[in-house]
PDB file of N, CA and C in Angstrom:
ATOM      1  N   UNK A   1    -121.629  -0.913  79.867  1.00  0.00           N
ATOM      2  CA  UNK A   1    -121.515  -2.344  80.028  1.00  0.00           C
ATOM      3  C   UNK A   1    -121.410  -3.000  78.656  1.00  0.00           C
ATOM      4  N   UNK A   2    -120.473  -3.893  78.459  1.00  0.00           N
ATOM      5  CA  UNK A   2    -120.253  -4.542  77.182  1.00  0.00           C
ATOM      6  C   UNK A   2    -120.877  -5.928  77.179  1.00  0.00           C
ATOM      7  N   UNK A   3    -121.480  -6.332  76.048  1.00  0.00           N
ATOM      8  CA  UNK A   3    -122.050  -7.671  75.985  1.00  0.00           C
ATOM      9  C   UNK A   3    -120.952  -8.731  76.037  1.00  0.00           C
ATOM     10  N   UNK A   4    -121.234  -9.859  76.666  1.00  0.00           N
ATOM     11  CA  UNK A   4    -120.233 -10.902  76.794  1.00  0.00           C
ATOM     12  C   UNK A   4    -120.557 -12.122  75.947  1.00  0.00           C
ATOM     13  N   UNK A   5    -121.795 -12.356  75.621  1.00  0.00           N
ATOM     14  CA  UNK A   5    -122.206 -13.534  74.863  1.00  0.00           C
ATOM     15  C   UNK A   5    -123.051 -13.101  73.681  1.00  0.00           C
ATOM     16  N   UNK A   6    -123.459 -14.093  72.868  1.00  0.00           N
ATOM     17  CA  UNK A   6    -124.384 -13.768  71.789  1.00  0.00           C
ATOM     18  C   UNK A   6    -125.585 -13.085  72.424  1.00  0.00           C
ATOM     19  N   UNK A   7    -125.941 -11.929  71.907  1.00  0.00           N
ATOM     20  CA  UNK A   7    -126.997 -11.154  72.533  1.00  0.00           C
ATOM     21  C   UNK A   7    -127.823 -10.448  71.475  1.00  0.00           C
ATOM     22  N   UNK A   8    -129.129 -10.520  71.613  1.00  0.00           N
ATOM     23  CA  UNK A   8    -130.000  -9.664  70.818  1.00  0.00           C
ATOM     24  C   UNK A   8    -130.267  -8.454  71.693  1.00  0.00           C
ATOM     25  N   UNK A   9    -129.791  -7.299  71.264  1.00  0.00           N
ATOM     26  CA  UNK A   9    -129.816  -6.129  72.122  1.00  0.00           C
ATOM     27  C   UNK A   9    -130.842  -5.100  71.707  1.00  0.00           C
ATOM     28  N   UNK A  10    -131.235  -5.079  70.474  1.00  0.00           N
ATOM     29  CA  UNK A  10    -132.217  -4.125  69.989  1.00  0.00           C
ATOM     30  C   UNK A  10    -132.971  -4.802  68.862  1.00  0.00           C
ATOM     31  N   UNK A  11    -133.988  -4.154  68.370  1.00  0.00           N
ATOM     32  CA  UNK A  11    -134.806  -4.729  67.325  1.00  0.00           C
ATOM     33  C   UNK A  11    -133.963  -5.278  66.180  1.00  0.00           C
ATOM     34  N   UNK A  12    -133.965  -6.582  66.002  1.00  0.00           N
ATOM     35  CA  UNK A  12    -133.297  -7.293  64.912  1.00  0.00           C
ATOM     36  C   UNK A  12    -131.769  -7.240  64.950  1.00  0.00           C
ATOM     37  N   UNK A  13    -131.175  -6.664  65.992  1.00  0.00           N
ATOM     38  CA  UNK A  13    -129.724  -6.562  66.088  1.00  0.00           C
ATOM     39  C   UNK A  13    -129.212  -7.684  66.988  1.00  0.00           C
ATOM     40  N   UNK A  14    -128.302  -8.493  66.438  1.00  0.00           N
ATOM     41  CA  UNK A  14    -127.703  -9.576  67.208  1.00  0.00           C
ATOM     42  C   UNK A  14    -126.196  -9.390  67.197  1.00  0.00           C
ATOM     43  N   UNK A  15    -125.576  -9.409  68.379  1.00  0.00           N
ATOM     44  CA  UNK A  15    -124.129  -9.244  68.495  1.00  0.00           C
ATOM     45  C   UNK A  15    -123.488 -10.577  68.847  1.00  0.00           C
ATOM     46  N   UNK A  16    -122.398 -10.887  68.142  1.00  0.00           N
ATOM     47  CA  UNK A  16    -121.610 -12.071  68.452  1.00  0.00           C
ATOM     48  C   UNK A  16    -120.196 -11.607  68.766  1.00  0.00           C
ATOM     49  N   UNK A  17    -119.717 -11.846  69.977  1.00  0.00           N
ATOM     50  CA  UNK A  17    -118.363 -11.396  70.315  1.00  0.00           C
ATOM     51  C   UNK A  17    -117.307 -12.126  69.499  1.00  0.00           C
ATOM     52  N   UNK A  18    -116.372 -11.368  68.962  1.00  0.00           N
ATOM     53  CA  UNK A  18    -115.232 -11.930  68.235  1.00  0.00           C
ATOM     54  C   UNK A  18    -113.956 -11.782  69.056  1.00  0.00           C
ATOM     55  N   UNK A  19    -113.964 -10.805  69.933  1.00  0.00           N
ATOM     56  CA  UNK A  19    -112.858 -10.554  70.862  1.00  0.00           C
ATOM     57  C   UNK A  19    -113.452  -9.717  71.999  1.00  0.00           C
ATOM     58  N   UNK A  20    -112.655  -9.375  73.005  1.00  0.00           N
ATOM     59  CA  UNK A  20    -113.208  -8.538  74.076  1.00  0.00           C
ATOM     60  C   UNK A  20    -113.645  -7.147  73.620  1.00  0.00           C
ATOM     61  N   UNK A  21    -113.189  -6.715  72.436  1.00  0.00           N
ATOM     62  CA  UNK A  21    -113.527  -5.367  71.965  1.00  0.00           C
ATOM     63  C   UNK A  21    -114.194  -5.342  70.594  1.00  0.00           C
ATOM     64  N   UNK A  22    -114.550  -6.507  70.048  1.00  0.00           N
ATOM     65  CA  UNK A  22    -115.148  -6.527  68.710  1.00  0.00           C
ATOM     66  C   UNK A  22    -116.295  -7.526  68.639  1.00  0.00           C
ATOM     67  N   UNK A  23    -117.358  -7.109  67.912  1.00  0.00           N
ATOM     68  CA  UNK A  23    -118.543  -7.937  67.746  1.00  0.00           C
ATOM     69  C   UNK A  23    -118.964  -7.972  66.281  1.00  0.00           C
ATOM     70  N   UNK A  24    -119.430  -9.117  65.825  1.00  0.00           N
ATOM     71  CA  UNK A  24    -120.077  -9.217  64.520  1.00  0.00           C
ATOM     72  C   UNK A  24    -121.525  -8.806  64.760  1.00  0.00           C
ATOM     73  N   UNK A  25    -122.048  -7.931  63.899  1.00  0.00           N
ATOM     74  CA  UNK A  25    -123.412  -7.434  64.029  1.00  0.00           C
ATOM     75  C   UNK A  25    -124.248  -8.088  62.941  1.00  0.00           C
ATOM     76  N   UNK A  26    -125.298  -8.777  63.371  1.00  0.00           N
ATOM     77  CA  UNK A  26    -126.161  -9.497  62.434  1.00  0.00           C
ATOM     78  C   UNK A  26    -127.595  -9.018  62.539  1.00  0.00           C
ATOM     79  N   UNK A  27    -128.327  -9.223  61.458  1.00  0.00           N
ATOM     80  CA  UNK A  27    -129.759  -8.959  61.398  1.00  0.00           C
ATOM     81  C   UNK A  27    -130.446 -10.295  61.644  1.00  0.00           C
ATOM     82  N   UNK A  28    -131.137 -10.419  62.758  1.00  0.00           N
ATOM     83  CA  UNK A  28    -131.710 -11.712  63.136  1.00  0.00           C
ATOM     84  C   UNK A  28    -132.915 -12.128  62.288  1.00  0.00           C
ATOM     85  N   UNK A  29    -133.282 -11.326  61.323  1.00  0.00           N
ATOM     86  CA  UNK A  29    -134.379 -11.708  60.419  1.00  0.00           C
ATOM     87  C   UNK A  29    -133.906 -12.671  59.329  1.00  0.00           C
ATOM     88  N   UNK A  30    -132.585 -12.855  59.227  1.00  0.00           N
ATOM     89  CA  UNK A  30    -132.024 -13.773  58.245  1.00  0.00           C
ATOM     90  C   UNK A  30    -131.535 -15.032  58.938  1.00  0.00           C
ATOM     91  N   UNK A  31    -131.525 -16.134  58.211  1.00  0.00           N
ATOM     92  CA  UNK A  31    -131.062 -17.399  58.762  1.00  0.00           C
ATOM     93  C   UNK A  31    -129.544 -17.381  58.934  1.00  0.00           C
ATOM     94  N   UNK A  32    -129.080 -18.117  59.929  1.00  0.00           N
ATOM     95  CA  UNK A  32    -127.644 -18.250  60.163  1.00  0.00           C
ATOM     96  C   UNK A  32    -126.967 -18.775  58.898  1.00  0.00           C
ATOM     97  N   UNK A  33    -125.854 -18.187  58.546  1.00  0.00           N
ATOM     98  CA  UNK A  33    -125.124 -18.612  57.361  1.00  0.00           C
ATOM     99  C   UNK A  33    -125.476 -17.828  56.104  1.00  0.00           C
ATOM    100  N   UNK A  34    -126.602 -17.113  56.126  1.00  0.00           N
ATOM    101  CA  UNK A  34    -126.965 -16.288  54.970  1.00  0.00           C
ATOM    102  C   UNK A  34    -126.059 -15.061  54.943  1.00  0.00           C
ATOM    103  N   UNK A  35    -125.479 -14.757  53.802  1.00  0.00           N
ATOM    104  CA  UNK A  35    -124.564 -13.624  53.703  1.00  0.00           C
ATOM    105  C   UNK A  35    -125.214 -12.315  54.127  1.00  0.00           C
ATOM    106  N   UNK A  36    -126.495 -12.163  53.838  1.00  0.00           N
ATOM    107  CA  UNK A  36    -127.185 -10.919  54.185  1.00  0.00           C
ATOM    108  C   UNK A  36    -127.380 -10.754  55.683  1.00  0.00           C
ATOM    109  N   UNK A  37    -127.159 -11.816  56.445  1.00  0.00           N
ATOM    110  CA  UNK A  37    -127.340 -11.725  57.889  1.00  0.00           C
ATOM    111  C   UNK A  37    -126.308 -10.788  58.528  1.00  0.00           C
ATOM    112  N   UNK A  38    -125.073 -10.820  58.055  1.00  0.00           N
ATOM    113  CA  UNK A  38    -124.010  -9.977  58.624  1.00  0.00           C
ATOM    114  C   UNK A  38    -124.147  -8.566  58.071  1.00  0.00           C
ATOM    115  N   UNK A  39    -124.347  -7.597  58.982  1.00  0.00           N
ATOM    116  CA  UNK A  39    -124.477  -6.212  58.547  1.00  0.00           C
ATOM    117  C   UNK A  39    -123.227  -5.396  58.837  1.00  0.00           C
ATOM    118  N   UNK A  40    -122.344  -5.898  59.698  1.00  0.00           N
ATOM    119  CA  UNK A  40    -121.117  -5.168  59.964  1.00  0.00           C
ATOM    120  C   UNK A  40    -120.393  -5.675  61.185  1.00  0.00           C
ATOM    121  N   UNK A  41    -119.440  -4.863  61.621  1.00  0.00           N
ATOM    122  CA  UNK A  41    -118.596  -5.196  62.761  1.00  0.00           C
ATOM    123  C   UNK A  41    -118.491  -3.966  63.652  1.00  0.00           C
ATOM    124  N   UNK A  42    -118.712  -4.179  64.940  1.00  0.00           N
ATOM    125  CA  UNK A  42    -118.648  -3.110  65.926  1.00  0.00           C
ATOM    126  C   UNK A  42    -117.376  -3.294  66.744  1.00  0.00           C
ATOM    127  N   UNK A  43    -116.616  -2.207  66.909  1.00  0.00           N
ATOM    128  CA  UNK A  43    -115.315  -2.280  67.571  1.00  0.00           C
ATOM    129  C   UNK A  43    -115.232  -1.188  68.627  1.00  0.00           C
ATOM    130  N   UNK A  44    -114.890  -1.565  69.844  1.00  0.00           N
ATOM    131  CA  UNK A  44    -114.660  -0.578  70.903  1.00  0.00           C
ATOM    132  C   UNK A  44    -113.264   0.000  70.716  1.00  0.00           C
ATOM    133  N   UNK A  45    -113.206   1.315  70.574  1.00  0.00           N
ATOM    134  CA  UNK A  45    -111.928   2.013  70.395  1.00  0.00           C
ATOM    135  C   UNK A  45    -111.879   3.111  71.456  1.00  0.00           C
ATOM    136  N   UNK A  46    -111.071   2.893  72.458  1.00  0.00           N
ATOM    137  CA  UNK A  46    -111.046   3.842  73.575  1.00  0.00           C
ATOM    138  C   UNK A  46    -112.411   3.854  74.232  1.00  0.00           C
ATOM    139  N   UNK A  47    -112.995   5.024  74.348  1.00  0.00           N
ATOM    140  CA  UNK A  47    -114.325   5.141  74.956  1.00  0.00           C
ATOM    141  C   UNK A  47    -115.433   5.200  73.901  1.00  0.00           C
ATOM    142  N   UNK A  48    -115.081   5.034  72.624  1.00  0.00           N
ATOM    143  CA  UNK A  48    -116.070   5.101  71.537  1.00  0.00           C
ATOM    144  C   UNK A  48    -116.270   3.727  70.908  1.00  0.00           C
ATOM    145  N   UNK A  49    -117.291   3.662  70.058  1.00  0.00           N
ATOM    146  CA  UNK A  49    -117.610   2.431  69.343  1.00  0.00           C
ATOM    147  C   UNK A  49    -117.702   2.749  67.857  1.00  0.00           C
ATOM    148  N   UNK A  50    -116.951   2.000  67.054  1.00  0.00           N
ATOM    149  CA  UNK A  50    -116.902   2.218  65.617  1.00  0.00           C
ATOM    150  C   UNK A  50    -117.607   1.067  64.910  1.00  0.00           C
ATOM    151  N   UNK A  51    -118.521   1.410  64.016  1.00  0.00           N
ATOM    152  CA  UNK A  51    -119.264   0.415  63.253  1.00  0.00           C
ATOM    153  C   UNK A  51    -118.771   0.435  61.813  1.00  0.00           C
ATOM    154  N   UNK A  52    -118.290  -0.718  61.348  1.00  0.00           N
ATOM    155  CA  UNK A  52    -117.913  -0.904  59.948  1.00  0.00           C
ATOM    156  C   UNK A  52    -119.077  -1.633  59.287  1.00  0.00           C
ATOM    157  N   UNK A  53    -119.782  -0.942  58.415  1.00  0.00           N
ATOM    158  CA  UNK A  53    -120.963  -1.507  57.751  1.00  0.00           C
ATOM    159  C   UNK A  53    -120.571  -2.372  56.562  1.00  0.00           C
ATOM    160  N   UNK A  54    -121.218  -3.508  56.429  1.00  0.00           N
ATOM    161  CA  UNK A  54    -121.005  -4.399  55.293  1.00  0.00           C
ATOM    162  C   UNK A  54    -122.244  -4.452  54.391  1.00  0.00           C
ATOM    163  N   UNK A  55    -123.336  -3.884  54.856  1.00  0.00           N
ATOM    164  CA  UNK A  55    -124.584  -3.916  54.124  1.00  0.00           C
ATOM    165  C   UNK A  55    -125.317  -2.602  54.334  1.00  0.00           C
ATOM    166  N   UNK A  56    -125.912  -1.974  53.371  1.00  0.00           N
ATOM    167  CA  UNK A  56    -126.075  -2.456  52.003  1.00  0.00           C
ATOM    168  C   UNK A  56    -124.821  -2.275  51.140  1.00  0.00           C
ATOM    169  N   UNK A  57    -123.897  -1.396  51.576  1.00  0.00           N
ATOM    170  CA  UNK A  57    -122.647  -1.208  50.832  1.00  0.00           C
ATOM    171  C   UNK A  57    -121.488  -1.334  51.811  1.00  0.00           C
ATOM    172  N   UNK A  58    -120.511  -2.190  51.533  1.00  0.00           N
ATOM    173  CA  UNK A  58    -119.396  -2.365  52.455  1.00  0.00           C
ATOM    174  C   UNK A  58    -118.499  -1.130  52.536  1.00  0.00           C
ATOM    175  N   UNK A  59    -117.964  -0.918  53.723  1.00  0.00           N
ATOM    176  CA  UNK A  59    -116.942   0.112  53.880  1.00  0.00           C
ATOM    177  C   UNK A  59    -117.355   1.362  54.620  1.00  0.00           C
ATOM    178  N   UNK A  60    -118.636   1.577  54.860  1.00  0.00           N
ATOM    179  CA  UNK A  60    -119.054   2.759  55.611  1.00  0.00           C
ATOM    180  C   UNK A  60    -118.659   2.605  57.068  1.00  0.00           C
ATOM    181  N   UNK A  61    -118.044   3.649  57.632  1.00  0.00           N
ATOM    182  CA  UNK A  61    -117.601   3.597  59.027  1.00  0.00           C
ATOM    183  C   UNK A  61    -118.222   4.770  59.779  1.00  0.00           C
ATOM    184  N   UNK A  62    -118.810   4.470  60.938  1.00  0.00           N
ATOM    185  CA  UNK A  62    -119.399   5.497  61.788  1.00  0.00           C
ATOM    186  C   UNK A  62    -118.942   5.258  63.213  1.00  0.00           C
ATOM    187  N   UNK A  63    -118.745   6.345  63.954  1.00  0.00           N
ATOM    188  CA  UNK A  63    -118.353   6.256  65.365  1.00  0.00           C
ATOM    189  C   UNK A  63    -119.485   6.768  66.242  1.00  0.00           C
ATOM    190  N   UNK A  64    -119.612   6.141  67.401  1.00  0.00           N
ATOM    191  CA  UNK A  64    -120.657   6.478  68.351  1.00  0.00           C
ATOM    192  C   UNK A  64    -120.035   6.637  69.728  1.00  0.00           C
ATOM    193  N   UNK A  65    -120.587   7.526  70.561  1.00  0.00           N
ATOM    194  CA  UNK A  65    -119.989   7.782  71.875  1.00  0.00           C
ATOM    195  C   UNK A  65    -120.203   6.656  72.883  1.00  0.00           C
ATOM    196  N   UNK A  66    -121.253   5.859  72.689  1.00  0.00           N
ATOM    197  CA  UNK A  66    -121.552   4.776  73.633  1.00  0.00           C
ATOM    198  C   UNK A  66    -122.039   3.545  72.865  1.00  0.00           C
ATOM    199  N   UNK A  67    -122.005   2.405  73.531  1.00  0.00           N
ATOM    200  CA  UNK A  67    -122.554   1.170  72.951  1.00  0.00           C
ATOM    201  C   UNK A  67    -124.047   1.347  72.688  1.00  0.00           C
ATOM    202  N   UNK A  68    -124.762   1.962  73.613  1.00  0.00           N
ATOM    203  CA  UNK A  68    -126.197   2.171  73.452  1.00  0.00           C
ATOM    204  C   UNK A  68    -126.501   3.027  72.225  1.00  0.00           C
ATOM    205  N   UNK A  69    -125.734   4.090  72.020  1.00  0.00           N
ATOM    206  CA  UNK A  69    -125.929   4.949  70.847  1.00  0.00           C
ATOM    207  C   UNK A  69    -125.669   4.173  69.563  1.00  0.00           C
ATOM    208  N   UNK A  70    -124.638   3.337  69.577  1.00  0.00           N
ATOM    209  CA  UNK A  70    -124.333   2.522  68.394  1.00  0.00           C
ATOM    210  C   UNK A  70    -125.475   1.563  68.098  1.00  0.00           C
ATOM    211  N   UNK A  71    -125.976   0.878  69.121  1.00  0.00           N
ATOM    212  CA  UNK A  71    -127.052  -0.091  68.909  1.00  0.00           C
ATOM    213  C   UNK A  71    -128.345   0.582  68.460  1.00  0.00           C
ATOM    214  N   UNK A  72    -128.625   1.758  68.993  1.00  0.00           N
ATOM    215  CA  UNK A  72    -129.806   2.506  68.548  1.00  0.00           C
ATOM    216  C   UNK A  72    -129.683   2.879  67.075  1.00  0.00           C
ATOM    217  N   UNK A  73    -128.508   3.361  66.668  1.00  0.00           N
ATOM    218  CA  UNK A  73    -128.280   3.755  65.274  1.00  0.00           C
ATOM    219  C   UNK A  73    -128.336   2.545  64.340  1.00  0.00           C
ATOM    220  N   UNK A  74    -127.767   1.436  64.767  1.00  0.00           N
ATOM    221  CA  UNK A  74    -127.788   0.212  63.961  1.00  0.00           C
ATOM    222  C   UNK A  74    -129.217  -0.271  63.782  1.00  0.00           C
ATOM    223  N   UNK A  75    -129.974  -0.303  64.869  1.00  0.00           N
ATOM    224  CA  UNK A  75    -131.367  -0.746  64.823  1.00  0.00           C
ATOM    225  C   UNK A  75    -132.190   0.140  63.893  1.00  0.00           C
ATOM    226  N   UNK A  76    -132.007   1.447  64.005  1.00  0.00           N
ATOM    227  CA  UNK A  76    -132.734   2.379  63.145  1.00  0.00           C
ATOM    228  C   UNK A  76    -132.373   2.162  61.682  1.00  0.00           C
ATOM    229  N   UNK A  77    -131.101   2.012  61.400  1.00  0.00           N
ATOM    230  CA  UNK A  77    -130.685   1.806  60.004  1.00  0.00           C
ATOM    231  C   UNK A  77    -131.244   0.500  59.441  1.00  0.00           C
ATOM    232  N   UNK A  78    -131.279  -0.544  60.255  1.00  0.00           N
ATOM    233  CA  UNK A  78    -131.858  -1.807  59.784  1.00  0.00           C
ATOM    234  C   UNK A  78    -133.337  -1.642  59.457  1.00  0.00           C
ATOM    235  N   UNK A  79    -134.033  -0.879  60.271  1.00  0.00           N
ATOM    236  CA  UNK A  79    -135.456  -0.636  60.010  1.00  0.00           C
ATOM    237  C   UNK A  79    -135.633   0.203  58.746  1.00  0.00           C
ATOM    238  N   UNK A  80    -134.798   1.193  58.551  1.00  0.00           N
ATOM    239  CA  UNK A  80    -134.913   2.071  57.376  1.00  0.00           C
ATOM    240  C   UNK A  80    -134.527   1.374  56.082  1.00  0.00           C
ATOM    241  N   UNK A  81    -133.649   0.380  56.175  1.00  0.00           N
ATOM    242  CA  UNK A  81    -133.194  -0.322  54.967  1.00  0.00           C
ATOM    243  C   UNK A  81    -133.838  -1.697  54.825  1.00  0.00           C
ATOM    244  N   UNK A  82    -134.908  -1.943  55.567  1.00  0.00           N
ATOM    245  CA  UNK A  82    -135.529  -3.270  55.511  1.00  0.00           C
ATOM    246  C   UNK A  82    -136.045  -3.613  54.131  1.00  0.00           C
ATOM    247  N   UNK A  83    -136.309  -2.599  53.299  1.00  0.00           N
ATOM    248  CA  UNK A  83    -136.749  -2.882  51.928  1.00  0.00           C
ATOM    249  C   UNK A  83    -135.590  -3.334  51.049  1.00  0.00           C
ATOM    250  N   UNK A  84    -134.343  -3.254  51.523  1.00  0.00           N
ATOM    251  CA  UNK A  84    -133.179  -3.706  50.759  1.00  0.00           C
ATOM    252  C   UNK A  84    -132.886  -5.181  51.003  1.00  0.00           C
ATOM    253  N   UNK A  85    -133.704  -5.819  51.800  1.00  0.00           N
ATOM    254  CA  UNK A  85    -133.493  -7.211  52.143  1.00  0.00           C
ATOM    255  C   UNK A  85    -133.594  -8.028  50.888  1.00  0.00           C
TER     256      UNK A  85
END
């Protein structure tokens, strides 16, 4: 099931739909408009989900078999890199 509206789906992960297959991924611990709030972009490609990371270093790309797997990985990475805030 794909999110349709702004949704907080996992710990500190907020998705904003940009198209039917793409979402901006934000860390809800930052205020709206803060550059550090955007952590990347999630894109549905076929049956997989690709995450383009913008934080802590832009350009890292990872693929996940499901939306749930992607959100779990994103949430974990945000927790592990919380000291980079």
